[in-house]
Amino acid sequence: MNDQLLVAAVAIGAVWFVGRSVFRHNLTRCLRCKGTRKIRSSILSSRYRSCTRCGGAGEIRAWFGSK
């Protein structure tokens, strides 16, 4: 009985750890700005502005790792 509880606790801990890692550290380059953090301004083509999709971070979260 105690062995089963130990195995179940370890399995739950492993699932939690993997899930946490996948959803916290699964950043990929923004497809809109290609990771440069800037996109061309719609008013003046020679000017750039912060990417609105990634908020100027250059990376966005992917569901299950990099794409």
C-alpha atoms as a PDB file:
ATOM      1  CA  MET A   1       0.000   0.000   0.000  1.00  0.00           C
ATOM      2  CA  ASN A   2       2.763   2.461   0.898  1.00  0.00           C
ATOM      3  CA  ASP A   3       4.670   1.586  -2.274  1.00  0.00           C
ATOM      4  CA  GLN A   4       1.633   2.387  -4.393  1.00  0.00           C
ATOM      5  CA  LEU A   5       1.211   5.745  -2.697  1.00  0.00           C
ATOM      6  CA  LEU A   6       4.875   6.534  -3.255  1.00  0.00           C
ATOM      7  CA  VAL A   7       4.671   5.619  -6.941  1.00  0.00           C
ATOM      8  CA  ALA A   8       1.485   7.670  -7.350  1.00  0.00           C
ATOM      9  CA  ALA A   9       3.080  10.683  -5.629  1.00  0.00           C
ATOM     10  CA  VAL A  10       6.171  10.467  -7.833  1.00  0.00           C
ATOM     11  CA  ALA A  11       4.014  10.151 -10.974  1.00  0.00           C
ATOM     12  CA  ILE A  12       1.922  13.164 -10.016  1.00  0.00           C
ATOM     13  CA  GLY A  13       5.070  15.160  -9.260  1.00  0.00           C
ATOM     14  CA  ALA A  14       6.596  14.220 -12.619  1.00  0.00           C
ATOM     15  CA  VAL A  15       3.452  15.214 -14.525  1.00  0.00           C
ATOM     16  CA  TRP A  16       3.300  18.515 -12.646  1.00  0.00           C
ATOM     17  CA  PHE A  17       6.972  19.277 -13.326  1.00  0.00           C
ATOM     18  CA  VAL A  18       6.753  18.481 -17.047  1.00  0.00           C
ATOM     19  CA  GLY A  19       3.509  20.443 -17.412  1.00  0.00           C
ATOM     20  CA  ARG A  20       4.982  23.432 -15.619  1.00  0.00           C
ATOM     21  CA  SER A  21       8.076  23.359 -17.819  1.00  0.00           C
ATOM     22  CA  VAL A  22       6.072  23.085 -21.030  1.00  0.00           C
ATOM     23  CA  PHE A  23       3.761  25.974 -20.228  1.00  0.00           C
ATOM     24  CA  ARG A  24       6.377  28.279 -18.680  1.00  0.00           C
ATOM     25  CA  HIS A  25       9.356  27.868 -20.977  1.00  0.00           C
ATOM     26  CA  ASN A  26       7.808  27.296 -24.387  1.00  0.00           C
ATOM     27  CA  LEU A  27       8.589  30.592 -26.042  1.00  0.00           C
ATOM     28  CA  THR A  28       8.960  30.863 -29.788  1.00  0.00           C
ATOM     29  CA  ARG A  29       9.823  33.776 -32.044  1.00  0.00           C
ATOM     30  CA  CYS A  30       6.930  36.031 -32.889  1.00  0.00           C
ATOM     31  CA  LEU A  31       5.696  35.285 -36.405  1.00  0.00           C
ATOM     32  CA  ARG A  32       4.707  38.876 -37.007  1.00  0.00           C
ATOM     33  CA  CYS A  33       8.019  40.582 -36.187  1.00  0.00           C
ATOM     34  CA  LYS A  34      10.250  37.490 -36.678  1.00  0.00           C
ATOM     35  CA  GLY A  35      11.781  38.067 -33.231  1.00  0.00           C
ATOM     36  CA  THR A  36      13.078  41.556 -34.038  1.00  0.00           C
ATOM     37  CA  ARG A  37      10.559  43.205 -31.646  1.00  0.00           C
ATOM     38  CA  LYS A  38       9.726  45.862 -34.236  1.00  0.00           C
ATOM     39  CA  ILE A  39       7.378  46.057 -37.199  1.00  0.00           C
ATOM     40  CA  ARG A  40       7.033  48.695 -39.900  1.00  0.00           C
ATOM     41  CA  SER A  41       4.775  51.594 -39.096  1.00  0.00           C
ATOM     42  CA  SER A  42       1.566  51.607 -41.090  1.00  0.00           C
ATOM     43  CA  ILE A  43       1.719  55.379 -41.575  1.00  0.00           C
ATOM     44  CA  LEU A  44       5.380  55.898 -42.499  1.00  0.00           C
ATOM     45  CA  SER A  45       7.001  52.876 -44.134  1.00  0.00           C
ATOM     46  CA  SER A  46      10.504  54.009 -43.185  1.00  0.00           C
ATOM     47  CA  ARG A  47       9.619  54.035 -39.456  1.00  0.00           C
ATOM     48  CA  TYR A  48       9.281  51.123 -37.061  1.00  0.00           C
ATOM     49  CA  ARG A  49       7.172  50.581 -33.962  1.00  0.00           C
ATOM     50  CA  SER A  50       6.951  47.937 -31.246  1.00  0.00           C
ATOM     51  CA  CYS A  51       5.217  44.762 -32.306  1.00  0.00           C
ATOM     52  CA  THR A  52       1.720  44.641 -30.848  1.00  0.00           C
ATOM     53  CA  ARG A  53       1.448  40.872 -30.998  1.00  0.00           C
ATOM     54  CA  CYS A  54       4.406  40.090 -28.743  1.00  0.00           C
ATOM     55  CA  GLY A  55       4.370  43.415 -26.875  1.00  0.00           C
ATOM     56  CA  GLY A  56       7.911  44.192 -27.986  1.00  0.00           C
ATOM     57  CA  ALA A  57       9.355  41.026 -26.434  1.00  0.00           C
ATOM     58  CA  GLY A  58      10.125  39.300 -29.735  1.00  0.00           C
ATOM     59  CA  GLU A  59       8.757  36.025 -28.385  1.00  0.00           C
ATOM     60  CA  ILE A  60       5.306  34.587 -27.857  1.00  0.00           C
ATOM     61  CA  ARG A  61       4.086  31.499 -26.057  1.00  0.00           C
ATOM     62  CA  ALA A  62       3.503  28.356 -28.063  1.00  0.00           C
ATOM     63  CA  TRP A  63       1.209  25.611 -26.763  1.00  0.00           C
ATOM     64  CA  PHE A  64       3.677  22.728 -26.814  1.00  0.00           C
ATOM     65  CA  GLY A  65       7.170  24.048 -27.483  1.00  0.00           C
ATOM     66  CA  SER A  66       8.774  25.887 -30.350  1.00  0.00           C
ATOM     67  CA  LYS A  67       7.216  25.750 -33.758  1.00  0.00           C
END
